Amino acid sequence: MDGDACPVKDEIFRVAKRYGLKVHLVANSSLRIPRDPLFEMVVVRGGQLDVADDWIAERVTSTDIAITSDLPLAARCLAKGARVLDSRGKVFTDDAMGDALATRELMAQLRDMGMVSGGPAPFEAKDRSKFLQSLDTLIQAQKKAMH
């Protein structure tokens, strides 16, 4: 899990505990996590912003579910065969990733030109609910694929 600014950490820990799944919370600084052998806090230091993303992308496998809202990281995880989910419950796919990255680039250019302002909509209860539903669906699909 990409731990930086992830609003659904508690939900991830709860679901992982229920299924007995290992969670690596990866961030640039230490964050509080429940004391449980299933959960590991990985602090990646190095001065660069993408150092935590690099750690995740280098280690993710096709048996993992990566949780991130960072599109370039999501693309890297998909390329390694992982299932990828953002904190609002959106499941990333190879088919949609090219469009998502192009839209991200376009929006960055429009912001730089002052034509667009603001950021994402506030995180709401419905986002949390959709996330939990999508996470459960991905876990069930992954379990089915492994058997």
Protein backbone atom coordinates (compact mmCIF):
# COMPACT_ATOMS: atom_id res chain seq x y z
CA MET A 1 0.00 0.00 0.00
CA ASP A 2 1.22 3.46 -0.91
CA GLY A 3 0.95 4.95 2.58
CA ASP A 4 1.41 8.61 1.77
CA ALA A 5 -1.94 10.39 2.19
CA CYS A 6 -3.97 7.17 2.02
CA PRO A 7 -7.36 7.81 3.68
CA VAL A 8 -8.34 4.13 3.93
CA LYS A 9 -5.51 2.64 5.97
CA ASP A 10 -7.78 1.50 8.81
CA GLU A 11 -10.11 -0.21 6.35
CA ILE A 12 -7.19 -1.98 4.69
CA PHE A 13 -5.90 -3.26 8.03
CA ARG A 14 -9.38 -4.47 9.03
CA VAL A 15 -9.95 -6.33 5.75
CA ALA A 16 -6.42 -7.76 5.69
CA LYS A 17 -6.88 -9.08 9.23
CA ARG A 18 -10.18 -10.73 8.25
CA TYR A 19 -8.55 -12.51 5.29
CA GLY A 20 -5.15 -13.09 6.92
CA LEU A 21 -3.31 -11.02 4.30
CA LYS A 22 0.13 -9.43 4.65
CA VAL A 23 0.19 -5.62 4.28
CA HIS A 24 3.25 -3.50 3.55
CA LEU A 25 2.53 0.16 4.29
CA VAL A 26 5.22 2.03 2.36
CA ALA A 27 5.93 5.71 3.02
CA ASN A 28 8.68 8.29 3.25
CA SER A 29 8.20 8.61 7.01
CA SER A 30 6.97 6.37 9.79
CA LEU A 31 3.20 6.06 10.24
CA ARG A 32 1.28 4.36 13.01
CA ILE A 33 0.06 0.89 12.20
CA PRO A 34 -1.66 -1.75 14.33
CA ARG A 35 0.66 -4.16 16.09
CA ASP A 36 0.18 -7.36 14.16
CA PRO A 37 2.63 -9.69 12.41
CA LEU A 38 0.57 -9.29 9.22
CA PHE A 39 1.36 -5.57 9.03
CA GLU A 40 4.73 -4.07 8.22
CA MET A 41 5.66 -0.39 8.12
CA VAL A 42 8.30 0.20 5.44
CA VAL A 43 9.99 3.59 5.71
CA VAL A 44 11.88 4.44 2.54
CA ARG A 45 14.27 7.33 2.78
CA GLY A 46 16.34 8.83 0.02
CA GLY A 47 15.37 12.42 -0.53
CA GLN A 48 13.50 11.81 -3.76
CA LEU A 49 9.71 11.94 -3.87
CA ASP A 50 9.26 8.70 -5.79
CA VAL A 51 11.50 6.55 -3.60
CA ALA A 52 8.50 4.86 -1.89
CA ASP A 53 6.87 4.31 -5.29
CA ASP A 54 10.08 2.72 -6.55
CA TRP A 55 10.16 0.36 -3.55
CA ILE A 56 6.60 -0.76 -4.29
CA ALA A 57 7.09 -1.11 -8.05
CA GLU A 58 10.28 -3.14 -7.62
CA ARG A 59 8.68 -5.64 -5.24
CA VAL A 60 5.05 -5.96 -6.37
CA THR A 61 4.10 -9.27 -7.98
CA SER A 62 1.16 -10.75 -9.83
CA THR A 63 -0.19 -12.14 -6.56
CA ASP A 64 -0.41 -8.68 -4.96
CA ILE A 65 -3.06 -6.01 -4.73
CA ALA A 66 -1.46 -2.57 -4.82
CA ILE A 67 -3.38 0.32 -3.34
CA THR A 68 -2.39 3.72 -4.68
CA SER A 69 -3.91 6.85 -6.18
CA ASP A 70 -0.65 7.62 -8.01
CA LEU A 71 -1.25 6.89 -11.71
CA PRO A 72 2.39 6.31 -12.74
CA LEU A 73 2.81 3.89 -9.82
CA ALA A 74 -0.46 2.17 -10.73
CA ALA A 75 0.82 1.72 -14.30
CA ARG A 76 4.08 0.24 -13.03
CA CYS A 77 2.22 -2.20 -10.77
CA LEU A 78 -0.12 -3.24 -13.59
CA ALA A 79 2.93 -3.90 -15.77
CA LYS A 80 4.13 -6.39 -13.15
CA GLY A 81 0.76 -8.17 -13.20
CA ALA A 82 -0.59 -6.85 -9.89
CA ARG A 83 -4.19 -5.84 -9.35
CA VAL A 84 -4.39 -2.12 -8.55
CA LEU A 85 -7.00 -0.13 -6.64
CA ASP A 86 -7.19 3.52 -5.61
CA SER A 87 -8.50 4.80 -2.28
CA ARG A 88 -11.88 5.72 -3.82
CA GLY A 89 -12.49 2.18 -5.06
CA LYS A 90 -11.46 2.63 -8.68
CA VAL A 91 -9.88 -0.52 -10.09
CA PHE A 92 -7.12 0.30 -12.57
CA THR A 93 -6.83 -1.80 -15.72
CA ASP A 94 -4.27 -1.97 -18.51
CA ASP A 95 -6.92 -0.91 -21.02
CA ALA A 96 -7.78 2.33 -19.20
CA MET A 97 -4.29 3.25 -17.98
CA GLY A 98 -3.14 4.98 -21.18
CA ASP A 99 -6.17 7.27 -21.18
CA ALA A 100 -5.79 7.98 -17.46
CA LEU A 101 -2.13 8.95 -17.84
CA ALA A 102 -2.89 11.14 -20.86
CA THR A 103 -5.69 12.89 -18.96
CA ARG A 104 -3.36 13.41 -15.99
CA GLU A 105 -0.78 15.04 -18.25
CA LEU A 106 -3.38 17.25 -19.93
CA MET A 107 -4.78 18.42 -16.57
CA ALA A 108 -1.25 19.21 -15.33
CA GLN A 109 -0.65 21.34 -18.43
CA LEU A 110 -3.99 23.13 -18.01
CA ARG A 111 -3.19 23.83 -14.34
CA ASP A 112 0.25 25.17 -15.31
CA MET A 113 -1.43 27.54 -17.77
CA GLY A 114 -3.92 28.66 -15.10
CA MET A 115 -6.89 27.31 -17.02
CA VAL A 116 -7.88 24.77 -14.34
CA SER A 117 -7.64 25.06 -10.58
CA GLY A 118 -8.50 22.91 -7.62
CA GLY A 119 -7.86 19.28 -6.92
CA PRO A 120 -9.86 16.13 -6.41
CA ALA A 121 -13.26 16.20 -4.75
CA PRO A 122 -13.28 15.76 -0.96
CA PHE A 123 -13.13 12.15 0.25
CA GLU A 124 -16.63 11.05 1.34
CA ALA A 125 -18.29 8.09 3.05
CA LYS A 126 -19.47 6.77 -0.33
CA ASP A 127 -15.82 6.64 -1.46
CA ARG A 128 -14.93 4.56 1.59
CA SER A 129 -17.83 2.21 0.90
CA LYS A 130 -16.89 1.81 -2.77
CA PHE A 131 -13.28 1.17 -1.78
CA LEU A 132 -14.27 -1.61 0.62
CA GLN A 133 -16.53 -3.21 -1.99
CA SER A 134 -13.82 -3.06 -4.68
CA LEU A 135 -11.14 -4.37 -2.32
CA ASP A 136 -13.28 -7.34 -1.36
CA THR A 137 -14.01 -8.06 -5.04
CA LEU A 138 -10.28 -7.95 -5.90
CA ILE A 139 -9.37 -10.21 -2.97
CA GLN A 140 -12.01 -12.75 -4.00
CA ALA A 141 -10.81 -12.65 -7.63
CA GLN A 142 -7.20 -13.06 -6.54
CA LYS A 143 -8.05 -16.00 -4.29
CA LYS A 144 -9.99 -17.64 -7.12
CA ALA A 145 -7.12 -17.10 -9.58
CA MET A 146 -4.64 -18.70 -7.17
CA HIS A 147 -6.67 -21.91 -6.76
